[in-house]
Amino acid sequence: MDAVRYDAKRSATLLAAEHDVTASGGSSSISTAIDEYGMDNVIYLSNDISCRAGSQNSSQDGWGSWYAWNPGSARAEHGWIFIDEGY
């Protein structure tokens, strides 16, 4: 893991867009998390990752991870519950 970034404005924009897209009857893990934990408790983190295997180096910038804040949950690690990841 080379970098983890949190941008509150980007996170809120992506959350709202995700929730709007699924409001018409679709579903997603992120939308479900928003419904379960509340919009203010779900965040998007952008990650940069490098993998050095053998003679090949590869990097992945902007890989996204979604987490929900719920410190009382048995599923939480340090208060955060992993929801999903990807672009």
PDB file of N, CA and C in Angstrom:
ATOM      1  N   MET A   1       0.863  -1.158   0.000  1.00  0.00           N
ATOM      2  CA  MET A   1       0.000   0.000   0.000  1.00  0.00           C
ATOM      3  C   MET A   1       0.909   1.219   0.000  1.00  0.00           C
ATOM      4  N   ASP A   2       0.801   2.003  -1.050  1.00  0.00           N
ATOM      5  CA  ASP A   2       1.638   3.194  -1.172  1.00  0.00           C
ATOM      6  C   ASP A   2       0.975   4.428  -0.582  1.00  0.00           C
ATOM      7  N   ALA A   3      -0.330   4.522  -0.720  1.00  0.00           N
ATOM      8  CA  ALA A   3      -1.033   5.705  -0.223  1.00  0.00           C
ATOM      9  C   ALA A   3      -2.508   5.384  -0.028  1.00  0.00           C
ATOM     10  N   VAL A   4      -3.086   6.003   0.992  1.00  0.00           N
ATOM     11  CA  VAL A   4      -4.529   5.951   1.230  1.00  0.00           C
ATOM     12  C   VAL A   4      -4.973   7.396   1.394  1.00  0.00           C
ATOM     13  N   ARG A   5      -5.995   7.777   0.624  1.00  0.00           N
ATOM     14  CA  ARG A   5      -6.467   9.158   0.672  1.00  0.00           C
ATOM     15  C   ARG A   5      -7.969   9.200   0.955  1.00  0.00           C
ATOM     16  N   TYR A   6      -8.330  10.200   1.749  1.00  0.00           N
ATOM     17  CA  TYR A   6      -9.745  10.471   1.983  1.00  0.00           C
ATOM     18  C   TYR A   6     -10.024  11.897   1.549  1.00  0.00           C
ATOM     19  N   ASP A   7     -10.946  12.049   0.633  1.00  0.00           N
ATOM     20  CA  ASP A   7     -11.389  13.357   0.156  1.00  0.00           C
ATOM     21  C   ASP A   7     -12.880  13.437   0.478  1.00  0.00           C
ATOM     22  N   ALA A   8     -13.238  14.233   1.469  1.00  0.00           N
ATOM     23  CA  ALA A   8     -14.625  14.295   1.945  1.00  0.00           C
ATOM     24  C   ALA A   8     -15.598  14.664   0.832  1.00  0.00           C
ATOM     25  N   LYS A   9     -15.228  15.611  -0.015  1.00  0.00           N
ATOM     26  CA  LYS A   9     -16.125  16.031  -1.089  1.00  0.00           C
ATOM     27  C   LYS A   9     -16.318  14.904  -2.106  1.00  0.00           C
ATOM     28  N   ARG A  10     -15.226  14.258  -2.491  1.00  0.00           N
ATOM     29  CA  ARG A  10     -15.333  13.155  -3.460  1.00  0.00           C
ATOM     30  C   ARG A  10     -16.126  11.996  -2.869  1.00  0.00           C
ATOM     31  N   SER A  11     -15.863  11.674  -1.610  1.00  0.00           N
ATOM     32  CA  SER A  11     -16.583  10.597  -0.945  1.00  0.00           C
ATOM     33  C   SER A  11     -18.084  10.876  -0.944  1.00  0.00           C
ATOM     34  N   ALA A  12     -18.471  12.090  -0.560  1.00  0.00           N
ATOM     35  CA  ALA A  12     -19.895  12.451  -0.509  1.00  0.00           C
ATOM     36  C   ALA A  12     -20.532  12.405  -1.897  1.00  0.00           C
ATOM     37  N   THR A  13     -19.802  12.869  -2.911  1.00  0.00           N
ATOM     38  CA  THR A  13     -20.318  12.851  -4.282  1.00  0.00           C
ATOM     39  C   THR A  13     -20.542  11.424  -4.761  1.00  0.00           C
ATOM     40  N   LEU A  14     -19.562  10.550  -4.533  1.00  0.00           N
ATOM     41  CA  LEU A  14     -19.691   9.152  -4.947  1.00  0.00           C
ATOM     42  C   LEU A  14     -20.803   8.436  -4.183  1.00  0.00           C
ATOM     43  N   LEU A  15     -20.927   8.728  -2.893  1.00  0.00           N
ATOM     44  CA  LEU A  15     -21.992   8.119  -2.091  1.00  0.00           C
ATOM     45  C   LEU A  15     -23.367   8.530  -2.606  1.00  0.00           C
ATOM     46  N   ALA A  16     -23.540   9.812  -2.856  1.00  0.00           N
ATOM     47  CA  ALA A  16     -24.837  10.298  -3.343  1.00  0.00           C
ATOM     48  C   ALA A  16     -25.166   9.693  -4.701  1.00  0.00           C
ATOM     49  N   ALA A  17     -24.182   9.631  -5.583  1.00  0.00           N
ATOM     50  CA  ALA A  17     -24.411   9.056  -6.911  1.00  0.00           C
ATOM     51  C   ALA A  17     -24.771   7.578  -6.812  1.00  0.00           C
ATOM     52  N   GLU A  18     -24.068   6.855  -5.977  1.00  0.00           N
ATOM     53  CA  GLU A  18     -24.342   5.425  -5.795  1.00  0.00           C
ATOM     54  C   GLU A  18     -25.750   5.212  -5.266  1.00  0.00           C
ATOM     55  N   HIS A  19     -26.143   6.012  -4.300  1.00  0.00           N
ATOM     56  CA  HIS A  19     -27.461   5.870  -3.699  1.00  0.00           C
ATOM     57  C   HIS A  19     -28.556   6.259  -4.688  1.00  0.00           C
ATOM     58  N   ASP A  20     -28.328   7.297  -5.468  1.00  0.00           N
ATOM     59  CA  ASP A  20     -29.309   7.732  -6.472  1.00  0.00           C
ATOM     60  C   ASP A  20     -29.525   6.674  -7.544  1.00  0.00           C
ATOM     61  N   VAL A  21     -28.455   6.059  -8.006  1.00  0.00           N
ATOM     62  CA  VAL A  21     -28.549   5.041  -9.060  1.00  0.00           C
ATOM     63  C   VAL A  21     -29.380   3.851  -8.595  1.00  0.00           C
ATOM     64  N   THR A  22     -29.247   3.487  -7.340  1.00  0.00           N
ATOM     65  CA  THR A  22     -29.964   2.314  -6.836  1.00  0.00           C
ATOM     66  C   THR A  22     -31.346   2.649  -6.286  1.00  0.00           C
ATOM     67  N   ALA A  23     -31.689   3.925  -6.194  1.00  0.00           N
ATOM     68  CA  ALA A  23     -32.991   4.320  -5.649  1.00  0.00           C
ATOM     69  C   ALA A  23     -34.154   3.837  -6.505  1.00  0.00           C
ATOM     70  N   SER A  24     -33.901   3.578  -7.771  1.00  0.00           N
ATOM     71  CA  SER A  24     -34.977   3.154  -8.674  1.00  0.00           C
ATOM     72  C   SER A  24     -35.227   1.651  -8.630  1.00  0.00           C
ATOM     73  N   GLY A  25     -34.718   0.984  -7.629  1.00  0.00           N
ATOM     74  CA  GLY A  25     -35.012  -0.432  -7.475  1.00  0.00           C
ATOM     75  C   GLY A  25     -33.809  -1.341  -7.564  1.00  0.00           C
ATOM     76  N   GLY A  26     -32.680  -0.824  -8.002  1.00  0.00           N
ATOM     77  CA  GLY A  26     -31.463  -1.626  -8.040  1.00  0.00           C
ATOM     78  C   GLY A  26     -30.880  -1.763  -6.645  1.00  0.00           C
ATOM     79  N   SER A  27     -29.788  -2.471  -6.552  1.00  0.00           N
ATOM     80  CA  SER A  27     -29.144  -2.593  -5.248  1.00  0.00           C
ATOM     81  C   SER A  27     -27.637  -2.683  -5.432  1.00  0.00           C
ATOM     82  N   SER A  28     -26.928  -2.339  -4.406  1.00  0.00           N
ATOM     83  CA  SER A  28     -25.478  -2.475  -4.366  1.00  0.00           C
ATOM     84  C   SER A  28     -25.064  -2.557  -2.907  1.00  0.00           C
ATOM     85  N   SER A  29     -23.872  -3.060  -2.675  1.00  0.00           N
ATOM     86  CA  SER A  29     -23.382  -3.155  -1.299  1.00  0.00           C
ATOM     87  C   SER A  29     -23.216  -1.771  -0.684  1.00  0.00           C
ATOM     88  N   ILE A  30     -22.842  -0.787  -1.482  1.00  0.00           N
ATOM     89  CA  ILE A  30     -22.657   0.563  -0.958  1.00  0.00           C
ATOM     90  C   ILE A  30     -23.994   1.184  -0.593  1.00  0.00           C
ATOM     91  N   SER A  31     -24.980   1.046  -1.458  1.00  0.00           N
ATOM     92  CA  SER A  31     -26.309   1.580  -1.169  1.00  0.00           C
ATOM     93  C   SER A  31     -26.915   0.903   0.058  1.00  0.00           C
ATOM     94  N   THR A  32     -26.720  -0.398   0.168  1.00  0.00           N
ATOM     95  CA  THR A  32     -27.208  -1.131   1.338  1.00  0.00           C
ATOM     96  C   THR A  32     -26.537  -0.616   2.603  1.00  0.00           C
ATOM     97  N   ALA A  33     -25.230  -0.349   2.533  1.00  0.00           N
ATOM     98  CA  ALA A  33     -24.503   0.181   3.691  1.00  0.00           C
ATOM     99  C   ALA A  33     -25.019   1.565   4.071  1.00  0.00           C
ATOM    100  N   ILE A  34     -25.314   2.401   3.074  1.00  0.00           N
ATOM    101  CA  ILE A  34     -25.864   3.731   3.352  1.00  0.00           C
ATOM    102  C   ILE A  34     -27.200   3.596   4.072  1.00  0.00           C
ATOM    103  N   ASP A  35     -28.053   2.688   3.601  1.00  0.00           N
ATOM    104  CA  ASP A  35     -29.349   2.463   4.248  1.00  0.00           C
ATOM    105  C   ASP A  35     -29.174   1.943   5.669  1.00  0.00           C
ATOM    106  N   GLU A  36     -28.199   1.063   5.865  1.00  0.00           N
ATOM    107  CA  GLU A  36     -28.010   0.433   7.177  1.00  0.00           C
ATOM    108  C   GLU A  36     -27.291   1.329   8.180  1.00  0.00           C
ATOM    109  N   TYR A  37     -26.249   2.041   7.742  1.00  0.00           N
ATOM    110  CA  TYR A  37     -25.401   2.796   8.665  1.00  0.00           C
ATOM    111  C   TYR A  37     -25.573   4.311   8.571  1.00  0.00           C
ATOM    112  N   GLY A  38     -26.247   4.776   7.523  1.00  0.00           N
ATOM    113  CA  GLY A  38     -26.436   6.212   7.334  1.00  0.00           C
ATOM    114  C   GLY A  38     -25.366   6.811   6.436  1.00  0.00           C
ATOM    115  N   MET A  39     -25.768   7.777   5.638  1.00  0.00           N
ATOM    116  CA  MET A  39     -24.869   8.424   4.681  1.00  0.00           C
ATOM    117  C   MET A  39     -23.624   8.996   5.362  1.00  0.00           C
ATOM    118  N   ASP A  40     -23.787   9.546   6.567  1.00  0.00           N
ATOM    119  CA  ASP A  40     -22.660  10.169   7.266  1.00  0.00           C
ATOM    120  C   ASP A  40     -21.666   9.165   7.828  1.00  0.00           C
ATOM    121  N   ASN A  41     -22.004   7.887   7.808  1.00  0.00           N
ATOM    122  CA  ASN A  41     -21.130   6.865   8.388  1.00  0.00           C
ATOM    123  C   ASN A  41     -20.486   5.951   7.357  1.00  0.00           C
ATOM    124  N   VAL A  42     -20.636   6.265   6.080  1.00  0.00           N
ATOM    125  CA  VAL A  42     -20.013   5.469   5.022  1.00  0.00           C
ATOM    126  C   VAL A  42     -19.022   6.368   4.292  1.00  0.00           C
ATOM    127  N   ILE A  43     -17.809   5.856   4.058  1.00  0.00           N
ATOM    128  CA  ILE A  43     -16.786   6.652   3.377  1.00  0.00           C
ATOM    129  C   ILE A  43     -16.145   5.860   2.240  1.00  0.00           C
ATOM    130  N   TYR A  44     -15.561   6.613   1.326  1.00  0.00           N
ATOM    131  CA  TYR A  44     -14.794   6.065   0.212  1.00  0.00           C
ATOM    132  C   TYR A  44     -13.341   6.483   0.399  1.00  0.00           C
ATOM    133  N   LEU A  45     -12.428   5.520   0.346  1.00  0.00           N
ATOM    134  CA  LEU A  45     -10.998   5.793   0.415  1.00  0.00           C
ATOM    135  C   LEU A  45     -10.368   5.421  -0.917  1.00  0.00           C
ATOM    136  N   SER A  46      -9.478   6.245  -1.403  1.00  0.00           N
ATOM    137  CA  SER A  46      -8.748   5.967  -2.639  1.00  0.00           C
ATOM    138  C   SER A  46      -7.362   5.455  -2.257  1.00  0.00           C
ATOM    139  N   ASN A  47      -6.959   4.340  -2.864  1.00  0.00           N
ATOM    140  CA  ASN A  47      -5.701   3.684  -2.517  1.00  0.00           C
ATOM    141  C   ASN A  47      -4.788   3.567  -3.729  1.00  0.00           C
ATOM    142  N   ASP A  48      -3.496   3.726  -3.505  1.00  0.00           N
ATOM    143  CA  ASP A  48      -2.484   3.448  -4.517  1.00  0.00           C
ATOM    144  C   ASP A  48      -1.688   2.241  -4.026  1.00  0.00           C
ATOM    145  N   ILE A  49      -1.540   1.260  -4.897  1.00  0.00           N
ATOM    146  CA  ILE A  49      -0.921  -0.010  -4.517  1.00  0.00           C
ATOM    147  C   ILE A  49       0.177  -0.348  -5.514  1.00  0.00           C
ATOM    148  N   SER A  50       1.329  -0.812  -5.017  1.00  0.00           N
ATOM    149  CA  SER A  50       2.386  -1.345  -5.873  1.00  0.00           C
ATOM    150  C   SER A  50       2.599  -2.801  -5.518  1.00  0.00           C
ATOM    151  N   CYS A  51       2.809  -3.604  -6.539  1.00  0.00           N
ATOM    152  CA  CYS A  51       3.081  -5.023  -6.338  1.00  0.00           C
ATOM    153  C   CYS A  51       4.410  -5.332  -7.009  1.00  0.00           C
ATOM    154  N   ARG A  52       5.338  -5.806  -6.243  1.00  0.00           N
ATOM    155  CA  ARG A  52       6.645  -6.171  -6.774  1.00  0.00           C
ATOM    156  C   ARG A  52       6.800  -7.685  -6.668  1.00  0.00           C
ATOM    157  N   ALA A  53       6.540  -8.353  -7.768  1.00  0.00           N
ATOM    158  CA  ALA A  53       6.629  -9.817  -7.801  1.00  0.00           C
ATOM    159  C   ALA A  53       7.633 -10.219  -8.874  1.00  0.00           C
ATOM    160  N   GLY A  54       8.675 -10.912  -8.477  1.00  0.00           N
ATOM    161  CA  GLY A  54       9.689 -11.304  -9.441  1.00  0.00           C
ATOM    162  C   GLY A  54      10.339 -10.083 -10.059  1.00  0.00           C
ATOM    163  N   SER A  55      10.455 -10.080 -11.367  1.00  0.00           N
ATOM    164  CA  SER A  55      11.080  -8.948 -12.051  1.00  0.00           C
ATOM    165  C   SER A  55      10.056  -7.918 -12.508  1.00  0.00           C
ATOM    166  N   GLN A  56       8.789  -8.164 -12.237  1.00  0.00           N
ATOM    167  CA  GLN A  56       7.721  -7.268 -12.678  1.00  0.00           C
ATOM    168  C   GLN A  56       7.280  -6.343 -11.544  1.00  0.00           C
ATOM    169  N   ASN A  57       7.189  -5.085 -11.858  1.00  0.00           N
ATOM    170  CA  ASN A  57       6.611  -4.111 -10.932  1.00  0.00           C
ATOM    171  C   ASN A  57       5.315  -3.612 -11.544  1.00  0.00           C
ATOM    172  N   SER A  58       4.277  -3.579 -10.768  1.00  0.00           N
ATOM    173  CA  SER A  58       3.027  -3.012 -11.263  1.00  0.00           C
ATOM    174  C   SER A  58       2.431  -2.120 -10.187  1.00  0.00           C
ATOM    175  N   SER A  59       1.698  -1.134 -10.623  1.00  0.00           N
ATOM    176  CA  SER A  59       1.044  -0.251  -9.660  1.00  0.00           C
ATOM    177  C   SER A  59      -0.389  -0.024 -10.086  1.00  0.00           C
ATOM    178  N   GLN A  60      -1.206   0.233  -9.115  1.00  0.00           N
ATOM    179  CA  GLN A  60      -2.631   0.467  -9.316  1.00  0.00           C
ATOM    180  C   GLN A  60      -2.970   1.731  -8.544  1.00  0.00           C
ATOM    181  N   ASP A  61      -3.364   2.778  -9.230  1.00  0.00           N
ATOM    182  CA  ASP A  61      -3.712   4.036  -8.575  1.00  0.00           C
ATOM    183  C   ASP A  61      -5.221   4.209  -8.555  1.00  0.00           C
ATOM    184  N   GLY A  62      -5.720   4.699  -7.451  1.00  0.00           N
ATOM    185  CA  GLY A  62      -7.126   5.036  -7.362  1.00  0.00           C
ATOM    186  C   GLY A  62      -8.067   3.884  -7.074  1.00  0.00           C
ATOM    187  N   TRP A  63      -7.532   2.764  -6.610  1.00  0.00           N
ATOM    188  CA  TRP A  63      -8.377   1.643  -6.207  1.00  0.00           C
ATOM    189  C   TRP A  63      -9.210   2.109  -5.031  1.00  0.00           C
ATOM    190  N   GLY A  64     -10.508   1.900  -5.084  1.00  0.00           N
ATOM    191  CA  GLY A  64     -11.386   2.422  -4.046  1.00  0.00           C
ATOM    192  C   GLY A  64     -11.796   1.379  -3.027  1.00  0.00           C
ATOM    193  N   SER A  65     -11.894   1.798  -1.796  1.00  0.00           N
ATOM    194  CA  SER A  65     -12.391   0.955  -0.704  1.00  0.00           C
ATOM    195  C   SER A  65     -13.504   1.705   0.007  1.00  0.00           C
ATOM    196  N   TRP A  66     -14.565   0.995   0.321  1.00  0.00           N
ATOM    197  CA  TRP A  66     -15.721   1.567   1.015  1.00  0.00           C
ATOM    198  C   TRP A  66     -15.795   0.977   2.420  1.00  0.00           C
ATOM    199  N   TYR A  67     -15.978   1.850   3.413  1.00  0.00           N
ATOM    200  CA  TYR A  67     -16.087   1.426   4.809  1.00  0.00           C
ATOM    201  C   TYR A  67     -17.261   2.130   5.479  1.00  0.00           C
ATOM    202  N   ALA A  68     -17.812   1.471   6.494  1.00  0.00           N
ATOM    203  CA  ALA A  68     -18.869   2.069   7.315  1.00  0.00           C
ATOM    204  C   ALA A  68     -18.378   2.136   8.758  1.00  0.00           C
ATOM    205  N   TRP A  69     -18.685   3.235   9.422  1.00  0.00           N
ATOM    206  CA  TRP A  69     -18.315   3.429  10.823  1.00  0.00           C
ATOM    207  C   TRP A  69     -19.425   2.873  11.702  1.00  0.00           C
ATOM    208  N   ASN A  70     -19.099   1.870  12.501  1.00  0.00           N
ATOM    209  CA  ASN A  70     -20.048   1.284  13.442  1.00  0.00           C
ATOM    210  C   ASN A  70     -19.248   0.576  14.530  1.00  0.00           C
ATOM    211  N   PRO A  71     -18.703   1.347  15.487  1.00  0.00           N
ATOM    212  CA  PRO A  71     -17.805   0.769  16.485  1.00  0.00           C
ATOM    213  C   PRO A  71     -18.450  -0.282  17.383  1.00  0.00           C
ATOM    214  N   GLY A  72     -19.773  -0.321  17.453  1.00  0.00           N
ATOM    215  CA  GLY A  72     -20.444  -1.308  18.292  1.00  0.00           C
ATOM    216  C   GLY A  72     -20.650  -2.659  17.629  1.00  0.00           C
ATOM    217  N   SER A  73     -20.348  -2.757  16.352  1.00  0.00           N
ATOM    218  CA  SER A  73     -20.576  -3.993  15.607  1.00  0.00           C
ATOM    219  C   SER A  73     -19.465  -5.011  15.856  1.00  0.00           C
ATOM    220  N   ALA A  74     -19.862  -6.263  15.970  1.00  0.00           N
ATOM    221  CA  ALA A  74     -18.883  -7.344  16.110  1.00  0.00           C
ATOM    222  C   ALA A  74     -18.058  -7.501  14.832  1.00  0.00           C
ATOM    223  N   ARG A  75     -18.567  -7.021  13.714  1.00  0.00           N
ATOM    224  CA  ARG A  75     -17.855  -7.107  12.429  1.00  0.00           C
ATOM    225  C   ARG A  75     -16.799  -6.009  12.269  1.00  0.00           C
ATOM    226  N   ALA A  76     -16.843  -5.009  13.119  1.00  0.00           N
ATOM    227  CA  ALA A  76     -15.961  -3.848  12.962  1.00  0.00           C
ATOM    228  C   ALA A  76     -14.545  -4.139  13.457  1.00  0.00           C
ATOM    229  N   GLU A  77     -13.589  -3.592  12.719  1.00  0.00           N
ATOM    230  CA  GLU A  77     -12.197  -3.585  13.157  1.00  0.00           C
ATOM    231  C   GLU A  77     -11.815  -2.136  13.391  1.00  0.00           C
ATOM    232  N   HIS A  78     -11.461  -1.822  14.631  1.00  0.00           N
ATOM    233  CA  HIS A  78     -11.153  -0.444  15.018  1.00  0.00           C
ATOM    234  C   HIS A  78     -12.311   0.490  14.672  1.00  0.00           C
ATOM    235  N   GLY A  79     -13.537  -0.028  14.739  1.00  0.00           N
ATOM    236  CA  GLY A  79     -14.738   0.769  14.507  1.00  0.00           C
ATOM    237  C   GLY A  79     -15.245   0.755  13.077  1.00  0.00           C
ATOM    238  N   TRP A  80     -14.432   0.262  12.139  1.00  0.00           N
ATOM    239  CA  TRP A  80     -14.791   0.302  10.717  1.00  0.00           C
ATOM    240  C   TRP A  80     -15.176  -1.066  10.191  1.00  0.00           C
ATOM    241  N   ILE A  81     -16.227  -1.091   9.369  1.00  0.00           N
ATOM    242  CA  ILE A  81     -16.687  -2.315   8.709  1.00  0.00           C
ATOM    243  C   ILE A  81     -16.375  -2.190   7.224  1.00  0.00           C
ATOM    244  N   PHE A  82     -15.659  -3.161   6.684  1.00  0.00           N
ATOM    245  CA  PHE A  82     -15.363  -3.173   5.251  1.00  0.00           C
ATOM    246  C   PHE A  82     -16.649  -3.458   4.490  1.00  0.00           C
ATOM    247  N   ILE A  83     -16.926  -2.672   3.450  1.00  0.00           N
ATOM    248  CA  ILE A  83     -18.136  -2.840   2.643  1.00  0.00           C
ATOM    249  C   ILE A  83     -17.811  -3.428   1.277  1.00  0.00           C
ATOM    250  N   ASP A  84     -16.912  -2.792   0.548  1.00  0.00           N
ATOM    251  CA  ASP A  84     -16.626  -3.229  -0.826  1.00  0.00           C
ATOM    252  C   ASP A  84     -15.372  -2.518  -1.316  1.00  0.00           C
ATOM    253  N   GLU A  85     -14.890  -2.951  -2.482  1.00  0.00           N
ATOM    254  CA  GLU A  85     -13.751  -2.274  -3.086  1.00  0.00           C
ATOM    255  C   GLU A  85     -13.805  -2.409  -4.598  1.00  0.00           C
ATOM    256  N   GLY A  86     -13.074  -1.573  -5.280  1.00  0.00           N
ATOM    257  CA  GLY A  86     -13.008  -1.604  -6.734  1.00  0.00           C
ATOM    258  C   GLY A  86     -12.964  -0.209  -7.302  1.00  0.00           C
ATOM    259  N   TYR A  87     -13.083  -0.122  -8.619  1.00  0.00           N
ATOM    260  CA  TYR A  87     -13.084   1.188  -9.281  1.00  0.00           C
ATOM    261  C   TYR A  87     -14.476   1.704  -9.379  1.00  0.00           C
TER     262      TYR A  87
END
